[in-house]
Amino acid sequence: MSSEHHLPSATDLQRELEQVRRDYAIALKDRPEHAHALEQRARKLEAELARQK
């Protein structure tokens, strides 16, 4: 059994970022208590994408 750590590809990160942004837009209207966490997740994904470029 391998203990390799799988790093997500830039494409995977971009897709997840787009989904988080959609969820964030919905949360601002419907579930504002979740918006902050989603905003932080989006920032983390943006930083990961920037490191891969």
PDB file of N, CA and C in Angstrom:
ATOM      1  N   MET A   1       0.838  -1.179   0.000  1.00  0.00           N
ATOM      2  CA  MET A   1       0.000   0.000   0.000  1.00  0.00           C
ATOM      3  C   MET A   1       0.882   1.240   0.000  1.00  0.00           C
ATOM      4  N   SER A   2       0.636   2.134  -0.911  1.00  0.00           N
ATOM      5  CA  SER A   2       1.454   3.324  -1.066  1.00  0.00           C
ATOM      6  C   SER A   2       0.947   4.444  -0.164  1.00  0.00           C
ATOM      7  N   SER A   3       1.883   5.240   0.335  1.00  0.00           N
ATOM      8  CA  SER A   3       1.491   6.368   1.178  1.00  0.00           C
ATOM      9  C   SER A   3       1.665   7.689   0.433  1.00  0.00           C
ATOM     10  N   GLU A   4       1.596   7.629  -0.897  1.00  0.00           N
ATOM     11  CA  GLU A   4       1.732   8.842  -1.695  1.00  0.00           C
ATOM     12  C   GLU A   4       0.584   9.796  -1.403  1.00  0.00           C
ATOM     13  N   HIS A   5       0.927  11.070  -1.376  1.00  0.00           N
ATOM     14  CA  HIS A   5      -0.095  12.099  -1.186  1.00  0.00           C
ATOM     15  C   HIS A   5      -0.492  12.621  -2.551  1.00  0.00           C
ATOM     16  N   HIS A   6      -1.766  12.487  -2.883  1.00  0.00           N
ATOM     17  CA  HIS A   6      -2.260  12.931  -4.182  1.00  0.00           C
ATOM     18  C   HIS A   6      -2.482  14.436  -4.158  1.00  0.00           C
ATOM     19  N   LEU A   7      -1.782  15.149  -5.034  1.00  0.00           N
ATOM     20  CA  LEU A   7      -2.006  16.574  -5.181  1.00  0.00           C
ATOM     21  C   LEU A   7      -3.019  16.794  -6.293  1.00  0.00           C
ATOM     22  N   PRO A   8      -4.048  17.563  -6.021  1.00  0.00           N
ATOM     23  CA  PRO A   8      -5.047  17.797  -7.061  1.00  0.00           C
ATOM     24  C   PRO A   8      -4.455  18.587  -8.222  1.00  0.00           C
ATOM     25  N   SER A   9      -4.929  18.288  -9.404  1.00  0.00           N
ATOM     26  CA  SER A   9      -4.457  19.000 -10.585  1.00  0.00           C
ATOM     27  C   SER A   9      -5.054  20.401 -10.599  1.00  0.00           C
ATOM     28  N   ALA A  10      -4.474  21.257 -11.431  1.00  0.00           N
ATOM     29  CA  ALA A  10      -4.993  22.614 -11.570  1.00  0.00           C
ATOM     30  C   ALA A  10      -6.440  22.587 -12.050  1.00  0.00           C
ATOM     31  N   THR A  11      -6.758  21.640 -12.924  1.00  0.00           N
ATOM     32  CA  THR A  11      -8.133  21.517 -13.424  1.00  0.00           C
ATOM     33  C   THR A  11      -9.084  21.162 -12.283  1.00  0.00           C
ATOM     34  N   ASP A  12      -8.669  20.222 -11.439  1.00  0.00           N
ATOM     35  CA  ASP A  12      -9.497  19.844 -10.290  1.00  0.00           C
ATOM     36  C   ASP A  12      -9.699  21.032  -9.348  1.00  0.00           C
ATOM     37  N   LEU A  13      -8.618  21.763  -9.100  1.00  0.00           N
ATOM     38  CA  LEU A  13      -8.713  22.924  -8.220  1.00  0.00           C
ATOM     39  C   LEU A  13      -9.630  23.991  -8.813  1.00  0.00           C
ATOM     40  N   GLN A  14      -9.513  24.215 -10.112  1.00  0.00           N
ATOM     41  CA  GLN A  14     -10.346  25.220 -10.777  1.00  0.00           C
ATOM     42  C   GLN A  14     -11.824  24.839 -10.694  1.00  0.00           C
ATOM     43  N   ARG A  15     -12.110  23.573 -10.914  1.00  0.00           N
ATOM     44  CA  ARG A  15     -13.509  23.109 -10.819  1.00  0.00           C
ATOM     45  C   ARG A  15     -14.049  23.282  -9.407  1.00  0.00           C
ATOM     46  N   GLU A  16     -13.236  22.918  -8.428  1.00  0.00           N
ATOM     47  CA  GLU A  16     -13.679  23.061  -7.042  1.00  0.00           C
ATOM     48  C   GLU A  16     -13.876  24.536  -6.697  1.00  0.00           C
ATOM     49  N   LEU A  17     -12.974  25.388  -7.167  1.00  0.00           N
ATOM     50  CA  LEU A  17     -13.099  26.820  -6.916  1.00  0.00           C
ATOM     51  C   LEU A  17     -14.393  27.369  -7.513  1.00  0.00           C
ATOM     52  N   GLU A  18     -14.705  26.974  -8.722  1.00  0.00           N
ATOM     53  CA  GLU A  18     -15.948  27.426  -9.355  1.00  0.00           C
ATOM     54  C   GLU A  18     -17.165  26.973  -8.557  1.00  0.00           C
ATOM     55  N   GLN A  19     -17.135  25.741  -8.062  1.00  0.00           N
ATOM     56  CA  GLN A  19     -18.252  25.231  -7.259  1.00  0.00           C
ATOM     57  C   GLN A  19     -18.367  25.998  -5.946  1.00  0.00           C
ATOM     58  N   VAL A  20     -17.235  26.258  -5.305  1.00  0.00           N
ATOM     59  CA  VAL A  20     -17.251  26.998  -4.043  1.00  0.00           C
ATOM     60  C   VAL A  20     -17.798  28.408  -4.267  1.00  0.00           C
ATOM     61  N   ARG A  21     -17.413  29.028  -5.376  1.00  0.00           N
ATOM     62  CA  ARG A  21     -17.930  30.375  -5.678  1.00  0.00           C
ATOM     63  C   ARG A  21     -19.442  30.352  -5.893  1.00  0.00           C
ATOM     64  N   ARG A  22     -19.941  29.323  -6.571  1.00  0.00           N
ATOM     65  CA  ARG A  22     -21.400  29.197  -6.752  1.00  0.00           C
ATOM     66  C   ARG A  22     -22.087  29.015  -5.398  1.00  0.00           C
ATOM     67  N   ASP A  23     -21.521  28.122  -4.585  1.00  0.00           N
ATOM     68  CA  ASP A  23     -22.089  27.878  -3.257  1.00  0.00           C
ATOM     69  C   ASP A  23     -22.053  29.149  -2.406  1.00  0.00           C
ATOM     70  N   TYR A  24     -20.975  29.920  -2.537  1.00  0.00           N
ATOM     71  CA  TYR A  24     -20.832  31.172  -1.789  1.00  0.00           C
ATOM     72  C   TYR A  24     -21.930  32.163  -2.180  1.00  0.00           C
ATOM     73  N   ALA A  25     -22.172  32.301  -3.473  1.00  0.00           N
ATOM     74  CA  ALA A  25     -23.209  33.220  -3.946  1.00  0.00           C
ATOM     75  C   ALA A  25     -24.578  32.825  -3.393  1.00  0.00           C
ATOM     76  N   ILE A  26     -24.848  31.543  -3.356  1.00  0.00           N
ATOM     77  CA  ILE A  26     -26.114  31.053  -2.805  1.00  0.00           C
ATOM     78  C   ILE A  26     -26.159  31.307  -1.297  1.00  0.00           C
ATOM     79  N   ALA A  27     -25.043  31.040  -0.628  1.00  0.00           N
ATOM     80  CA  ALA A  27     -24.993  31.196   0.827  1.00  0.00           C
ATOM     81  C   ALA A  27     -25.209  32.647   1.246  1.00  0.00           C
ATOM     82  N   LEU A  28     -24.716  33.591   0.456  1.00  0.00           N
ATOM     83  CA  LEU A  28     -24.916  34.997   0.809  1.00  0.00           C
ATOM     84  C   LEU A  28     -26.397  35.325   0.949  1.00  0.00           C
ATOM     85  N   LYS A  29     -27.216  34.702   0.116  1.00  0.00           N
ATOM     86  CA  LYS A  29     -28.657  34.967   0.149  1.00  0.00           C
ATOM     87  C   LYS A  29     -29.394  34.057   1.128  1.00  0.00           C
ATOM     88  N   ASP A  30     -29.074  32.775   1.076  1.00  0.00           N
ATOM     89  CA  ASP A  30     -29.878  31.786   1.799  1.00  0.00           C
ATOM     90  C   ASP A  30     -29.294  31.331   3.137  1.00  0.00           C
ATOM     91  N   ARG A  31     -27.972  31.303   3.245  1.00  0.00           N
ATOM     92  CA  ARG A  31     -27.332  30.788   4.464  1.00  0.00           C
ATOM     93  C   ARG A  31     -26.107  31.626   4.800  1.00  0.00           C
ATOM     94  N   PRO A  32     -26.309  32.885   5.201  1.00  0.00           N
ATOM     95  CA  PRO A  32     -25.171  33.771   5.438  1.00  0.00           C
ATOM     96  C   PRO A  32     -24.180  33.239   6.479  1.00  0.00           C
ATOM     97  N   GLU A  33     -24.637  32.375   7.366  1.00  0.00           N
ATOM     98  CA  GLU A  33     -23.723  31.825   8.373  1.00  0.00           C
ATOM     99  C   GLU A  33     -22.660  30.923   7.750  1.00  0.00           C
ATOM    100  N   HIS A  34     -22.888  30.446   6.531  1.00  0.00           N
ATOM    101  CA  HIS A  34     -21.923  29.589   5.840  1.00  0.00           C
ATOM    102  C   HIS A  34     -21.017  30.370   4.889  1.00  0.00           C
ATOM    103  N   ALA A  35     -21.368  31.606   4.603  1.00  0.00           N
ATOM    104  CA  ALA A  35     -20.651  32.383   3.591  1.00  0.00           C
ATOM    105  C   ALA A  35     -19.182  32.590   3.954  1.00  0.00           C
ATOM    106  N   HIS A  36     -18.889  32.875   5.206  1.00  0.00           N
ATOM    107  CA  HIS A  36     -17.505  33.151   5.604  1.00  0.00           C
ATOM    108  C   HIS A  36     -16.600  31.946   5.356  1.00  0.00           C
ATOM    109  N   ALA A  37     -17.049  30.773   5.730  1.00  0.00           N
ATOM    110  CA  ALA A  37     -16.249  29.560   5.530  1.00  0.00           C
ATOM    111  C   ALA A  37     -16.020  29.299   4.043  1.00  0.00           C
ATOM    112  N   LEU A  38     -17.039  29.526   3.236  1.00  0.00           N
ATOM    113  CA  LEU A  38     -16.891  29.318   1.792  1.00  0.00           C
ATOM    114  C   LEU A  38     -15.929  30.338   1.192  1.00  0.00           C
ATOM    115  N   GLU A  39     -15.989  31.565   1.676  1.00  0.00           N
ATOM    116  CA  GLU A  39     -15.067  32.594   1.194  1.00  0.00           C
ATOM    117  C   GLU A  39     -13.620  32.209   1.520  1.00  0.00           C
ATOM    118  N   GLN A  40     -13.398  31.699   2.712  1.00  0.00           N
ATOM    119  CA  GLN A  40     -12.050  31.276   3.092  1.00  0.00           C
ATOM    120  C   GLN A  40     -11.588  30.086   2.256  1.00  0.00           C
ATOM    121  N   ARG A  41     -12.474  29.160   1.977  1.00  0.00           N
ATOM    122  CA  ARG A  41     -12.131  28.007   1.127  1.00  0.00           C
ATOM    123  C   ARG A  41     -11.751  28.476  -0.272  1.00  0.00           C
ATOM    124  N   ALA A  42     -12.488  29.441  -0.807  1.00  0.00           N
ATOM    125  CA  ALA A  42     -12.181  29.978  -2.133  1.00  0.00           C
ATOM    126  C   ALA A  42     -10.793  30.616  -2.139  1.00  0.00           C
ATOM    127  N   ARG A  43     -10.465  31.350  -1.101  1.00  0.00           N
ATOM    128  CA  ARG A  43      -9.136  31.983  -1.021  1.00  0.00           C
ATOM    129  C   ARG A  43      -8.032  30.931  -0.963  1.00  0.00           C
ATOM    130  N   LYS A  44      -8.271  29.869  -0.214  1.00  0.00           N
ATOM    131  CA  LYS A  44      -7.279  28.793  -0.118  1.00  0.00           C
ATOM    132  C   LYS A  44      -7.070  28.133  -1.483  1.00  0.00           C
ATOM    133  N   LEU A  45      -8.160  27.870  -2.192  1.00  0.00           N
ATOM    134  CA  LEU A  45      -8.055  27.266  -3.521  1.00  0.00           C
ATOM    135  C   LEU A  45      -7.335  28.195  -4.489  1.00  0.00           C
ATOM    136  N   GLU A  46      -7.625  29.492  -4.420  1.00  0.00           N
ATOM    137  CA  GLU A  46      -6.940  30.459  -5.280  1.00  0.00           C
ATOM    138  C   GLU A  46      -5.439  30.445  -5.013  1.00  0.00           C
ATOM    139  N   ALA A  47      -5.057  30.359  -3.753  1.00  0.00           N
ATOM    140  CA  ALA A  47      -3.639  30.318  -3.395  1.00  0.00           C
ATOM    141  C   ALA A  47      -2.984  29.037  -3.913  1.00  0.00           C
ATOM    142  N   GLU A  48      -3.669  27.913  -3.798  1.00  0.00           N
ATOM    143  CA  GLU A  48      -3.131  26.649  -4.308  1.00  0.00           C
ATOM    144  C   GLU A  48      -2.948  26.708  -5.818  1.00  0.00           C
ATOM    145  N   LEU A  49      -3.914  27.294  -6.509  1.00  0.00           N
ATOM    146  CA  LEU A  49      -3.807  27.434  -7.965  1.00  0.00           C
ATOM    147  C   LEU A  49      -2.622  28.321  -8.334  1.00  0.00           C
ATOM    148  N   ALA A  50      -2.433  29.397  -7.606  1.00  0.00           N
ATOM    149  CA  ALA A  50      -1.323  30.313  -7.884  1.00  0.00           C
ATOM    150  C   ALA A  50       0.024  29.615  -7.688  1.00  0.00           C
ATOM    151  N   ARG A  51       0.118  28.748  -6.694  1.00  0.00           N
ATOM    152  CA  ARG A  51       1.369  28.016  -6.450  1.00  0.00           C
ATOM    153  C   ARG A  51       1.681  27.032  -7.565  1.00  0.00           C
ATOM    154  N   GLN A  52       0.649  26.502  -8.202  1.00  0.00           N
ATOM    155  CA  GLN A  52       0.864  25.507  -9.257  1.00  0.00           C
ATOM    156  C   GLN A  52       1.273  26.139 -10.576  1.00  0.00           C
ATOM    157  N   LYS A  53       1.039  27.424 -10.742  1.00  0.00           N
ATOM    158  CA  LYS A  53       1.353  28.077 -12.017  1.00  0.00           C
ATOM    159  C   LYS A  53       2.796  28.500 -12.093  1.00  0.00           C
TER     160      LYS A  53
END
